[in-house]
Amino acid sequence: MSVTNVINTIMRTPWGLGRWIRLAIGVAFLFDAYYKNSGMVALMGAFLVYQAAFNTGCGLGNSSCGTDAPVKKSEHDISHNFIQLNHKK
């Protein structure tokens, strides 16, 4: 199995690249927190592992960041149609 096939498989599954990165960074933080007895780093690592495991984002359970859906403009919207006039003096 080639590297390209592995990358394509990872990107096509629900466990995309972002989730793998969150999981790796979270596990690294947890190992670091264990060896250095750092509770704050452990919380950050646990948060990242939680995000990766349950596919949550910065939103409250819907994996969105609270942005509005793009508004579809009608085909008759002329608010951005401008004509450039070249004036010769």
N, C-alpha and C. Protein backbone atom coordinates (compact mmCIF):
# COMPACT_ATOMS: atom_id res chain seq x y z
N MET A 1 0.86 -1.17 0.00
CA MET A 1 0.00 0.00 0.00
C MET A 1 0.90 1.23 0.00
N SER A 2 0.67 2.11 -0.94
CA SER A 2 1.53 3.28 -1.07
C SER A 2 1.07 4.40 -0.12
N VAL A 3 1.93 5.37 0.06
CA VAL A 3 1.63 6.51 0.92
C VAL A 3 0.43 7.28 0.39
N THR A 4 0.33 7.41 -0.92
CA THR A 4 -0.79 8.13 -1.52
C THR A 4 -2.10 7.43 -1.22
N ASN A 5 -2.13 6.11 -1.29
CA ASN A 5 -3.34 5.36 -0.96
C ASN A 5 -3.73 5.53 0.50
N VAL A 6 -2.74 5.53 1.37
CA VAL A 6 -3.02 5.72 2.80
C VAL A 6 -3.60 7.10 3.04
N ILE A 7 -3.02 8.12 2.44
CA ILE A 7 -3.51 9.49 2.62
C ILE A 7 -4.92 9.62 2.06
N ASN A 8 -5.17 9.06 0.88
CA ASN A 8 -6.52 9.11 0.30
C ASN A 8 -7.53 8.38 1.17
N THR A 9 -7.15 7.25 1.75
CA THR A 9 -8.04 6.52 2.64
C THR A 9 -8.36 7.34 3.87
N ILE A 10 -7.36 7.98 4.44
CA ILE A 10 -7.57 8.81 5.63
C ILE A 10 -8.50 9.97 5.32
N MET A 11 -8.31 10.60 4.18
CA MET A 11 -9.09 11.78 3.85
C MET A 11 -10.54 11.43 3.47
N ARG A 12 -10.81 10.22 3.05
CA ARG A 12 -12.17 9.83 2.63
C ARG A 12 -13.00 9.25 3.76
N THR A 13 -12.40 8.94 4.88
CA THR A 13 -13.13 8.39 6.01
C THR A 13 -13.60 9.53 6.91
N PRO A 14 -14.52 9.26 7.82
CA PRO A 14 -14.93 10.30 8.76
C PRO A 14 -13.77 10.80 9.64
N TRP A 15 -12.76 9.97 9.78
CA TRP A 15 -11.58 10.39 10.51
C TRP A 15 -10.64 11.09 9.53
N GLY A 16 -10.92 12.33 9.25
CA GLY A 16 -10.12 13.11 8.32
C GLY A 16 -8.82 13.57 8.97
N LEU A 17 -8.06 14.31 8.22
CA LEU A 17 -6.75 14.76 8.68
C LEU A 17 -6.85 15.61 9.95
N GLY A 18 -7.86 16.46 10.03
CA GLY A 18 -8.02 17.32 11.21
C GLY A 18 -8.22 16.53 12.49
N ARG A 19 -9.01 15.47 12.40
CA ARG A 19 -9.24 14.64 13.59
C ARG A 19 -7.97 13.91 14.01
N TRP A 20 -7.21 13.41 13.02
CA TRP A 20 -5.96 12.72 13.36
C TRP A 20 -4.97 13.68 14.00
N ILE A 21 -4.91 14.90 13.51
CA ILE A 21 -3.99 15.88 14.09
C ILE A 21 -4.40 16.22 15.51
N ARG A 22 -5.70 16.43 15.73
CA ARG A 22 -6.18 16.72 17.11
C ARG A 22 -5.86 15.56 18.04
N LEU A 23 -6.06 14.34 17.55
CA LEU A 23 -5.78 13.18 18.39
C LEU A 23 -4.30 13.09 18.72
N ALA A 24 -3.44 13.28 17.74
CA ALA A 24 -1.99 13.18 17.98
C ALA A 24 -1.52 14.27 18.94
N ILE A 25 -1.97 15.50 18.74
CA ILE A 25 -1.55 16.59 19.63
C ILE A 25 -2.11 16.36 21.03
N GLY A 26 -3.36 15.91 21.12
CA GLY A 26 -3.95 15.64 22.43
C GLY A 26 -3.22 14.55 23.19
N VAL A 27 -2.87 13.47 22.50
CA VAL A 27 -2.13 12.38 23.16
C VAL A 27 -0.73 12.85 23.57
N ALA A 28 -0.10 13.66 22.72
CA ALA A 28 1.23 14.20 23.08
C ALA A 28 1.12 15.09 24.32
N PHE A 29 0.07 15.92 24.38
CA PHE A 29 -0.13 16.76 25.57
C PHE A 29 -0.36 15.91 26.81
N LEU A 30 -1.14 14.81 26.66
CA LEU A 30 -1.39 13.96 27.82
C LEU A 30 -0.12 13.28 28.32
N PHE A 31 0.73 12.81 27.39
CA PHE A 31 2.00 12.23 27.81
C PHE A 31 2.88 13.27 28.51
N ASP A 32 2.93 14.46 27.95
CA ASP A 32 3.73 15.53 28.55
C ASP A 32 3.20 15.90 29.93
N ALA A 33 1.90 15.97 30.06
CA ALA A 33 1.29 16.31 31.35
C ALA A 33 1.57 15.22 32.38
N TYR A 34 1.57 13.98 31.95
CA TYR A 34 1.84 12.88 32.88
C TYR A 34 3.28 12.95 33.41
N TYR A 35 4.22 13.19 32.50
CA TYR A 35 5.62 13.21 32.92
C TYR A 35 5.99 14.47 33.70
N LYS A 36 5.28 15.57 33.49
CA LYS A 36 5.60 16.82 34.17
C LYS A 36 4.61 17.18 35.27
N ASN A 37 3.63 16.31 35.52
CA ASN A 37 2.60 16.56 36.52
C ASN A 37 1.94 17.92 36.32
N SER A 38 1.50 18.19 35.14
CA SER A 38 0.87 19.46 34.82
C SER A 38 -0.61 19.24 34.54
N GLY A 39 -1.43 19.73 35.43
CA GLY A 39 -2.87 19.55 35.29
C GLY A 39 -3.46 20.36 34.14
N MET A 40 -2.94 21.56 33.92
CA MET A 40 -3.48 22.41 32.86
C MET A 40 -3.20 21.82 31.48
N VAL A 41 -2.01 21.30 31.30
CA VAL A 41 -1.67 20.66 30.02
C VAL A 41 -2.51 19.39 29.84
N ALA A 42 -2.78 18.69 30.93
CA ALA A 42 -3.63 17.50 30.85
C ALA A 42 -5.05 17.87 30.42
N LEU A 43 -5.58 18.98 30.91
CA LEU A 43 -6.90 19.42 30.50
C LEU A 43 -6.94 19.76 29.01
N MET A 44 -5.90 20.44 28.53
CA MET A 44 -5.85 20.76 27.11
C MET A 44 -5.76 19.50 26.26
N GLY A 45 -4.93 18.56 26.70
CA GLY A 45 -4.80 17.29 25.97
C GLY A 45 -6.09 16.49 25.98
N ALA A 46 -6.75 16.45 27.13
CA ALA A 46 -8.02 15.72 27.22
C ALA A 46 -9.08 16.38 26.35
N PHE A 47 -9.08 17.71 26.27
CA PHE A 47 -10.03 18.41 25.42
C PHE A 47 -9.80 18.07 23.95
N LEU A 48 -8.54 18.04 23.52
CA LEU A 48 -8.25 17.70 22.13
C LEU A 48 -8.59 16.25 21.80
N VAL A 49 -8.32 15.35 22.73
CA VAL A 49 -8.66 13.94 22.51
C VAL A 49 -10.18 13.79 22.47
N TYR A 50 -10.90 14.51 23.32
CA TYR A 50 -12.36 14.48 23.31
C TYR A 50 -12.90 14.98 21.97
N GLN A 51 -12.33 16.08 21.48
CA GLN A 51 -12.76 16.61 20.18
C GLN A 51 -12.54 15.60 19.06
N ALA A 52 -11.39 14.94 19.08
CA ALA A 52 -11.09 13.97 18.03
C ALA A 52 -11.98 12.74 18.15
N ALA A 53 -12.20 12.26 19.36
CA ALA A 53 -12.96 11.03 19.55
C ALA A 53 -14.44 11.20 19.20
N PHE A 54 -15.00 12.36 19.55
CA PHE A 54 -16.43 12.57 19.35
C PHE A 54 -16.75 13.52 18.20
N ASN A 55 -15.73 13.90 17.44
CA ASN A 55 -15.86 14.76 16.26
C ASN A 55 -16.63 16.04 16.57
N THR A 56 -16.25 16.68 17.64
CA THR A 56 -16.84 17.97 17.99
C THR A 56 -15.87 19.07 17.61
N GLY A 57 -16.40 20.22 17.42
CA GLY A 57 -15.57 21.37 17.09
C GLY A 57 -15.74 22.44 18.15
N CYS A 58 -15.67 23.67 17.72
CA CYS A 58 -15.82 24.76 18.67
C CYS A 58 -17.28 25.07 18.95
N GLY A 59 -18.21 24.47 18.19
CA GLY A 59 -19.63 24.68 18.41
C GLY A 59 -20.12 23.76 19.50
N LEU A 60 -21.36 23.93 19.88
CA LEU A 60 -21.93 23.11 20.96
C LEU A 60 -22.60 21.88 20.39
N GLY A 61 -21.81 20.93 19.95
CA GLY A 61 -22.32 19.65 19.48
C GLY A 61 -22.65 19.58 18.00
N ASN A 62 -22.62 20.70 17.30
CA ASN A 62 -22.95 20.63 15.88
C ASN A 62 -21.73 20.88 15.00
N SER A 63 -20.56 20.90 15.56
CA SER A 63 -19.30 21.06 14.83
C SER A 63 -19.28 22.30 13.95
N SER A 64 -19.86 23.35 14.45
CA SER A 64 -19.81 24.61 13.72
C SER A 64 -19.29 25.69 14.64
N CYS A 65 -18.83 26.73 14.07
CA CYS A 65 -18.27 27.82 14.86
C CYS A 65 -19.25 28.98 14.99
N GLY A 66 -20.51 28.73 14.81
CA GLY A 66 -21.51 29.75 15.00
C GLY A 66 -21.60 30.76 13.86
N THR A 67 -21.15 30.40 12.70
CA THR A 67 -21.25 31.31 11.57
C THR A 67 -22.58 31.09 10.88
N ASP A 68 -23.09 32.13 10.28
CA ASP A 68 -24.35 32.03 9.57
C ASP A 68 -24.14 31.34 8.24
N ALA A 69 -25.18 30.68 7.77
CA ALA A 69 -25.13 30.04 6.46
C ALA A 69 -25.07 31.13 5.39
N PRO A 70 -24.36 30.87 4.32
CA PRO A 70 -24.29 31.88 3.26
C PRO A 70 -25.66 32.14 2.67
N VAL A 71 -25.93 33.40 2.45
CA VAL A 71 -27.21 33.80 1.89
C VAL A 71 -27.13 33.71 0.37
N LYS A 72 -28.09 33.04 -0.21
CA LYS A 72 -28.12 32.89 -1.65
C LYS A 72 -28.75 34.14 -2.26
N LYS A 73 -28.05 34.76 -3.16
CA LYS A 73 -28.56 35.96 -3.80
C LYS A 73 -29.42 35.58 -4.99
N SER A 74 -30.42 36.39 -5.23
CA SER A 74 -31.28 36.13 -6.38
C SER A 74 -30.53 36.50 -7.66
N GLU A 75 -31.01 35.97 -8.75
CA GLU A 75 -30.35 36.25 -10.02
C GLU A 75 -30.58 37.69 -10.47
N HIS A 76 -31.52 38.38 -9.84
CA HIS A 76 -31.84 39.75 -10.21
C HIS A 76 -31.15 40.77 -9.31
N ASP A 77 -30.24 40.34 -8.49
CA ASP A 77 -29.53 41.26 -7.59
C ASP A 77 -28.55 42.08 -8.42
N ILE A 78 -28.78 43.38 -8.47
CA ILE A 78 -27.92 44.26 -9.27
C ILE A 78 -27.10 45.19 -8.39
N SER A 79 -27.00 44.86 -7.13
CA SER A 79 -26.30 45.77 -6.22
C SER A 79 -24.80 45.82 -6.48
N HIS A 80 -24.25 44.85 -7.20
CA HIS A 80 -22.81 44.83 -7.44
C HIS A 80 -22.46 44.99 -8.92
N ASN A 81 -23.37 45.42 -9.70
CA ASN A 81 -23.09 45.66 -11.10
C ASN A 81 -22.70 47.12 -11.29
N PHE A 82 -21.46 47.33 -11.66
CA PHE A 82 -20.97 48.70 -11.86
C PHE A 82 -20.44 48.83 -13.28
N ILE A 83 -20.57 50.01 -13.81
CA ILE A 83 -20.06 50.31 -15.15
C ILE A 83 -18.93 51.31 -14.98
N GLN A 84 -17.79 50.99 -15.54
CA GLN A 84 -16.66 51.90 -15.45
C GLN A 84 -16.77 52.93 -16.58
N LEU A 85 -16.70 54.18 -16.20
CA LEU A 85 -16.78 55.26 -17.17
C LEU A 85 -15.40 55.87 -17.34
N ASN A 86 -14.95 55.96 -18.54
CA ASN A 86 -13.65 56.57 -18.82
C ASN A 86 -13.91 57.98 -19.37
N HIS A 87 -13.51 58.95 -18.59
CA HIS A 87 -13.70 60.34 -19.01
C HIS A 87 -12.39 60.87 -19.57
N LYS A 88 -12.43 61.43 -20.71
CA LYS A 88 -11.25 62.08 -21.29
C LYS A 88 -11.41 63.57 -21.11
N LYS A 89 -10.37 64.19 -20.64
CA LYS A 89 -10.41 65.64 -20.43
C LYS A 89 -9.52 66.36 -21.37
